[in-house]
Amino acid sequence: MRPFRNGLGFLAVLVVLMATIGGVALASTIVPGHDKDRYDQDANGYPDAGVNSVGKYTSLYAYDANGNWYWDLGDGRIQGTVGSVEDLDQATLTACEYQVEYRGQFGNDPYLDSGWINNEINCAGYGDNGNYVYVVVHQSDPRYEGNPEWAIWGTWEYHVLTISGTGNLARPENAAGVH
């Protein structure tokens, strides 16, 4: 089984990763990539209410054809059926590197309450050699259009949903090369 075939399994992984920032993070999670000394005066690990935070971090998701997987979420948490990438079947290994950027307000908790999230994902290996770009915007962002077909987490929606070889699925009328 190839989890990312046609991008469907990839979407599931992406939603879980973005939920780490967008609304389903565990209370013990520290917001990755933010300047905690500058934006976290109460030292609880989350940017203070009313503070616009900008962050960037990396994450690694890897899997093999046997159904085993490993995920370094980029915030100190590791999940998966194996303890390391080396424990995966190297002959059928696929590794996806995530570059995650965000800007918005957390409200002194682990959930991004406004702003935007940009994910650039590059996969290489046995099950997927795709490149993906996802931009999710909150209704407070001027790019938000309120399109229910692209809604995620209620007041958030995909602004860019690009899969290599397919184009921008969220705004196909604005795809590269279309005039």
C-alpha atoms as a PDB file:
ATOM      1  CA  MET A   1       0.000   0.000   0.000  1.00  0.00           C
ATOM      2  CA  ARG A   2       1.293   3.439  -0.899  1.00  0.00           C
ATOM      3  CA  PRO A   3      -0.271   5.953   1.517  1.00  0.00           C
ATOM      4  CA  PHE A   4       0.326   9.005  -0.690  1.00  0.00           C
ATOM      5  CA  ARG A   5      -0.898   7.548  -3.973  1.00  0.00           C
ATOM      6  CA  ASN A   6      -2.875  10.268  -5.804  1.00  0.00           C
ATOM      7  CA  GLY A   7      -2.363  12.634  -2.890  1.00  0.00           C
ATOM      8  CA  LEU A   8      -5.237  11.197  -0.791  1.00  0.00           C
ATOM      9  CA  GLY A   9      -3.169   9.719   2.041  1.00  0.00           C
ATOM     10  CA  PHE A  10      -1.003  12.792   1.848  1.00  0.00           C
ATOM     11  CA  LEU A  11      -4.036  14.980   2.617  1.00  0.00           C
ATOM     12  CA  ALA A  12      -4.714  12.990   5.771  1.00  0.00           C
ATOM     13  CA  VAL A  13      -1.135  13.436   6.978  1.00  0.00           C
ATOM     14  CA  LEU A  14      -1.230  17.112   6.086  1.00  0.00           C
ATOM     15  CA  VAL A  15      -4.424  17.717   8.035  1.00  0.00           C
ATOM     16  CA  VAL A  16      -2.931  16.097  11.148  1.00  0.00           C
ATOM     17  CA  LEU A  17       0.250  18.171  10.832  1.00  0.00           C
ATOM     18  CA  MET A  18      -1.641  21.412  10.294  1.00  0.00           C
ATOM     19  CA  ALA A  19      -3.956  20.578  13.171  1.00  0.00           C
ATOM     20  CA  THR A  20      -0.898  20.719  15.408  1.00  0.00           C
ATOM     21  CA  ILE A  21      -0.941  24.442  14.748  1.00  0.00           C
ATOM     22  CA  GLY A  22      -4.545  24.929  13.718  1.00  0.00           C
ATOM     23  CA  GLY A  23      -6.577  23.488  16.524  1.00  0.00           C
ATOM     24  CA  VAL A  24      -5.959  19.969  17.757  1.00  0.00           C
ATOM     25  CA  ALA A  25      -2.606  20.214  19.508  1.00  0.00           C
ATOM     26  CA  LEU A  26      -2.182  18.584  22.895  1.00  0.00           C
ATOM     27  CA  ALA A  27      -1.948  20.853  25.921  1.00  0.00           C
ATOM     28  CA  SER A  28       1.651  19.794  26.511  1.00  0.00           C
ATOM     29  CA  THR A  29       2.741  20.854  23.041  1.00  0.00           C
ATOM     30  CA  ILE A  30       5.053  23.836  22.768  1.00  0.00           C
ATOM     31  CA  VAL A  31       4.314  26.028  19.773  1.00  0.00           C
ATOM     32  CA  PRO A  32       7.219  25.336  17.409  1.00  0.00           C
ATOM     33  CA  GLY A  33       9.242  28.055  15.779  1.00  0.00           C
ATOM     34  CA  HIS A  34       8.149  31.056  17.820  1.00  0.00           C
ATOM     35  CA  ASP A  35      10.401  33.362  19.820  1.00  0.00           C
ATOM     36  CA  LYS A  36       9.333  32.267  23.312  1.00  0.00           C
ATOM     37  CA  ASP A  37      11.366  34.888  25.152  1.00  0.00           C
ATOM     38  CA  ARG A  38       9.801  37.734  23.203  1.00  0.00           C
ATOM     39  CA  TYR A  39       6.213  36.507  22.793  1.00  0.00           C
ATOM     40  CA  ASP A  40       5.618  34.341  25.862  1.00  0.00           C
ATOM     41  CA  GLN A  41       5.896  36.556  28.942  1.00  0.00           C
ATOM     42  CA  ASP A  42       4.092  34.059  31.199  1.00  0.00           C
ATOM     43  CA  ALA A  43       6.452  31.240  30.047  1.00  0.00           C
ATOM     44  CA  ASN A  44       3.689  28.694  29.385  1.00  0.00           C
ATOM     45  CA  GLY A  45       5.082  27.738  25.966  1.00  0.00           C
ATOM     46  CA  TYR A  46       2.419  29.592  23.952  1.00  0.00           C
ATOM     47  CA  PRO A  47       2.486  33.088  22.445  1.00  0.00           C
ATOM     48  CA  ASP A  48       0.577  35.548  24.630  1.00  0.00           C
ATOM     49  CA  ALA A  49      -2.923  36.813  23.773  1.00  0.00           C
ATOM     50  CA  GLY A  50      -2.927  39.718  21.326  1.00  0.00           C
ATOM     51  CA  VAL A  51       0.557  38.946  20.001  1.00  0.00           C
ATOM     52  CA  ASN A  52       1.077  38.256  16.316  1.00  0.00           C
ATOM     53  CA  SER A  53       3.510  35.383  16.129  1.00  0.00           C
ATOM     54  CA  VAL A  54       5.601  34.355  13.171  1.00  0.00           C
ATOM     55  CA  GLY A  55       7.213  30.958  13.148  1.00  0.00           C
ATOM     56  CA  LYS A  56       8.987  28.468  10.967  1.00  0.00           C
ATOM     57  CA  TYR A  57       9.924  24.872  11.647  1.00  0.00           C
ATOM     58  CA  THR A  58      10.553  21.563   9.920  1.00  0.00           C
ATOM     59  CA  SER A  59       8.912  18.199  10.292  1.00  0.00           C
ATOM     60  CA  LEU A  60       9.639  14.738   8.884  1.00  0.00           C
ATOM     61  CA  TYR A  61       7.098  12.061   8.028  1.00  0.00           C
ATOM     62  CA  ALA A  62       8.457   8.736   6.752  1.00  0.00           C
ATOM     63  CA  TYR A  63       6.805   5.405   5.992  1.00  0.00           C
ATOM     64  CA  ASP A  64       7.443   2.070   4.319  1.00  0.00           C
ATOM     65  CA  ALA A  65       5.403  -0.399   2.243  1.00  0.00           C
ATOM     66  CA  ASN A  66       4.832  -2.578   5.324  1.00  0.00           C
ATOM     67  CA  GLY A  67       2.588   0.059   6.882  1.00  0.00           C
ATOM     68  CA  ASN A  68       5.138   1.297   9.421  1.00  0.00           C
ATOM     69  CA  TRP A  69       5.621   5.023   9.895  1.00  0.00           C
ATOM     70  CA  TYR A  70       7.631   7.585  11.797  1.00  0.00           C
ATOM     71  CA  TRP A  71       6.769  11.237  12.375  1.00  0.00           C
ATOM     72  CA  ASP A  72       8.925  13.924  13.940  1.00  0.00           C
ATOM     73  CA  LEU A  73       6.335  16.688  14.327  1.00  0.00           C
ATOM     74  CA  GLY A  74       8.995  19.370  14.749  1.00  0.00           C
ATOM     75  CA  ASP A  75       7.970  20.402  18.258  1.00  0.00           C
ATOM     76  CA  GLY A  76       9.746  17.703  20.219  1.00  0.00           C
ATOM     77  CA  ARG A  77       7.062  15.051  19.748  1.00  0.00           C
ATOM     78  CA  ILE A  78       7.725  11.813  17.872  1.00  0.00           C
ATOM     79  CA  GLN A  79       4.876   9.571  16.757  1.00  0.00           C
ATOM     80  CA  GLY A  80       4.700   6.358  14.776  1.00  0.00           C
ATOM     81  CA  THR A  81       4.861   2.609  14.777  1.00  0.00           C
ATOM     82  CA  VAL A  82       8.684   2.655  14.878  1.00  0.00           C
ATOM     83  CA  GLY A  83      11.198   4.606  16.943  1.00  0.00           C
ATOM     84  CA  SER A  84      13.287   6.009  14.103  1.00  0.00           C
ATOM     85  CA  VAL A  85      13.557   6.306  10.329  1.00  0.00           C
ATOM     86  CA  GLU A  86      16.282   3.652  10.450  1.00  0.00           C
ATOM     87  CA  ASP A  87      13.700   1.162  11.770  1.00  0.00           C
ATOM     88  CA  LEU A  88      11.681   1.440   8.541  1.00  0.00           C
ATOM     89  CA  ASP A  89      12.235  -0.914   5.587  1.00  0.00           C
ATOM     90  CA  GLN A  90      14.911   1.025   3.705  1.00  0.00           C
ATOM     91  CA  ALA A  91      14.054  -0.685   0.392  1.00  0.00           C
ATOM     92  CA  THR A  92      10.509   0.752   0.470  1.00  0.00           C
ATOM     93  CA  LEU A  93      11.163   3.950   2.429  1.00  0.00           C
ATOM     94  CA  THR A  94       9.425   7.204   1.535  1.00  0.00           C
ATOM     95  CA  ALA A  95      10.381  10.372   3.421  1.00  0.00           C
ATOM     96  CA  CYS A  96       8.463  13.643   3.307  1.00  0.00           C
ATOM     97  CA  GLU A  97      10.148  16.782   4.572  1.00  0.00           C
ATOM     98  CA  TYR A  98       7.855  19.594   5.696  1.00  0.00           C
ATOM     99  CA  GLN A  99       8.764  23.272   5.860  1.00  0.00           C
ATOM    100  CA  VAL A 100       6.013  24.908   7.901  1.00  0.00           C
ATOM    101  CA  GLU A 101       5.572  28.663   8.280  1.00  0.00           C
ATOM    102  CA  TYR A 102       2.796  30.467  10.085  1.00  0.00           C
ATOM    103  CA  ARG A 103       1.714  33.926  11.152  1.00  0.00           C
ATOM    104  CA  GLY A 104      -1.144  34.782  13.454  1.00  0.00           C
ATOM    105  CA  GLN A 105      -2.366  34.911  17.019  1.00  0.00           C
ATOM    106  CA  PHE A 106      -2.419  31.956  19.383  1.00  0.00           C
ATOM    107  CA  GLY A 107      -4.266  33.623  22.268  1.00  0.00           C
ATOM    108  CA  ASN A 108      -1.984  32.121  24.946  1.00  0.00           C
ATOM    109  CA  ASP A 109      -2.875  28.534  24.033  1.00  0.00           C
ATOM    110  CA  PRO A 110      -1.538  25.986  21.500  1.00  0.00           C
ATOM    111  CA  TYR A 111      -4.161  26.804  18.834  1.00  0.00           C
ATOM    112  CA  LEU A 112      -3.548  29.289  16.034  1.00  0.00           C
ATOM    113  CA  ASP A 113      -6.687  31.447  16.198  1.00  0.00           C
ATOM    114  CA  SER A 114      -6.070  33.683  13.161  1.00  0.00           C
ATOM    115  CA  GLY A 115      -3.608  34.275  10.350  1.00  0.00           C
ATOM    116  CA  TRP A 116      -2.188  31.790   7.863  1.00  0.00           C
ATOM    117  CA  ILE A 117      -0.219  28.552   7.595  1.00  0.00           C
ATOM    118  CA  ASN A 118       2.072  27.662   4.692  1.00  0.00           C
ATOM    119  CA  ASN A 119       3.307  24.096   4.180  1.00  0.00           C
ATOM    120  CA  GLU A 120       5.858  23.084   1.581  1.00  0.00           C
ATOM    121  CA  ILE A 121       6.287  19.322   1.447  1.00  0.00           C
ATOM    122  CA  ASN A 122       8.802  17.364  -0.589  1.00  0.00           C
ATOM    123  CA  CYS A 123       8.504  13.603  -0.670  1.00  0.00           C
ATOM    124  CA  ALA A 124      11.063  11.188  -2.057  1.00  0.00           C
ATOM    125  CA  GLY A 125      11.221   7.434  -2.143  1.00  0.00           C
ATOM    126  CA  TYR A 126       9.339   4.284  -2.918  1.00  0.00           C
ATOM    127  CA  GLY A 127       5.741   5.484  -2.446  1.00  0.00           C
ATOM    128  CA  ASP A 128       5.808   9.153  -3.469  1.00  0.00           C
ATOM    129  CA  ASN A 129       8.105  11.598  -5.224  1.00  0.00           C
ATOM    130  CA  GLY A 130       5.705  14.528  -5.136  1.00  0.00           C
ATOM    131  CA  ASN A 131       5.924  18.123  -4.120  1.00  0.00           C
ATOM    132  CA  TYR A 132       3.060  19.875  -2.381  1.00  0.00           C
ATOM    133  CA  VAL A 133       2.286  23.434  -1.323  1.00  0.00           C
ATOM    134  CA  TYR A 134      -0.618  24.228   0.966  1.00  0.00           C
ATOM    135  CA  VAL A 135      -1.628  27.640   2.244  1.00  0.00           C
ATOM    136  CA  VAL A 136      -4.501  27.766   4.712  1.00  0.00           C
ATOM    137  CA  VAL A 137      -5.947  31.154   5.667  1.00  0.00           C
ATOM    138  CA  HIS A 138      -8.250  32.230   8.494  1.00  0.00           C
ATOM    139  CA  GLN A 139     -11.304  34.392   7.845  1.00  0.00           C
ATOM    140  CA  SER A 140      -9.339  37.338   9.265  1.00  0.00           C
ATOM    141  CA  ASP A 141      -6.920  37.091   6.303  1.00  0.00           C
ATOM    142  CA  PRO A 142      -7.821  39.251   3.263  1.00  0.00           C
ATOM    143  CA  ARG A 143      -7.356  36.209   0.987  1.00  0.00           C
ATOM    144  CA  TYR A 144     -10.201  34.345   2.718  1.00  0.00           C
ATOM    145  CA  GLU A 145     -13.174  33.864   0.357  1.00  0.00           C
ATOM    146  CA  GLY A 146     -15.595  31.854   2.489  1.00  0.00           C
ATOM    147  CA  ASN A 147     -15.805  28.987  -0.018  1.00  0.00           C
ATOM    148  CA  PRO A 148     -17.329  25.968   1.794  1.00  0.00           C
ATOM    149  CA  GLU A 149     -15.691  23.562  -0.671  1.00  0.00           C
ATOM    150  CA  TRP A 150     -12.261  24.556   0.627  1.00  0.00           C
ATOM    151  CA  ALA A 151     -13.191  24.992   4.306  1.00  0.00           C
ATOM    152  CA  ILE A 152     -11.088  23.345   6.993  1.00  0.00           C
ATOM    153  CA  TRP A 153     -11.522  23.894  10.766  1.00  0.00           C
ATOM    154  CA  GLY A 154     -14.662  26.043  10.350  1.00  0.00           C
ATOM    155  CA  THR A 155     -13.263  29.552   9.832  1.00  0.00           C
ATOM    156  CA  TRP A 156     -10.182  28.400   7.886  1.00  0.00           C
ATOM    157  CA  GLU A 157      -9.917  27.471   4.219  1.00  0.00           C
ATOM    158  CA  TYR A 158      -7.361  26.354   1.680  1.00  0.00           C
ATOM    159  CA  HIS A 159      -6.056  29.277  -0.347  1.00  0.00           C
ATOM    160  CA  VAL A 160      -3.480  27.193  -2.181  1.00  0.00           C
ATOM    161  CA  LEU A 161      -3.751  23.430  -2.507  1.00  0.00           C
ATOM    162  CA  THR A 162      -1.052  22.494  -5.003  1.00  0.00           C
ATOM    163  CA  ILE A 163      -0.016  18.958  -5.840  1.00  0.00           C
ATOM    164  CA  SER A 164       2.892  18.477  -8.234  1.00  0.00           C
ATOM    165  CA  GLY A 165       1.657  17.616 -11.700  1.00  0.00           C
ATOM    166  CA  THR A 166      -1.890  18.722 -10.874  1.00  0.00           C
ATOM    167  CA  GLY A 167      -1.731  22.455 -10.133  1.00  0.00           C
ATOM    168  CA  ASN A 168      -3.668  24.573  -7.660  1.00  0.00           C
ATOM    169  CA  LEU A 169      -6.825  22.623  -6.819  1.00  0.00           C
ATOM    170  CA  ALA A 170      -8.232  25.375  -4.592  1.00  0.00           C
ATOM    171  CA  ARG A 171      -8.056  28.099  -7.228  1.00  0.00           C
ATOM    172  CA  PRO A 172      -7.852  26.310 -10.590  1.00  0.00           C
ATOM    173  CA  GLU A 173      -8.907  29.466 -12.409  1.00  0.00           C
ATOM    174  CA  ASN A 174      -5.639  31.053 -11.217  1.00  0.00           C
ATOM    175  CA  ALA A 175      -3.393  28.117 -12.081  1.00  0.00           C
ATOM    176  CA  ALA A 176      -0.024  28.817 -13.654  1.00  0.00           C
ATOM    177  CA  GLY A 177      -0.216  29.062 -17.431  1.00  0.00           C
ATOM    178  CA  VAL A 178      -3.970  29.769 -17.512  1.00  0.00           C
ATOM    179  CA  HIS A 179      -4.841  33.119 -19.056  1.00  0.00           C
END
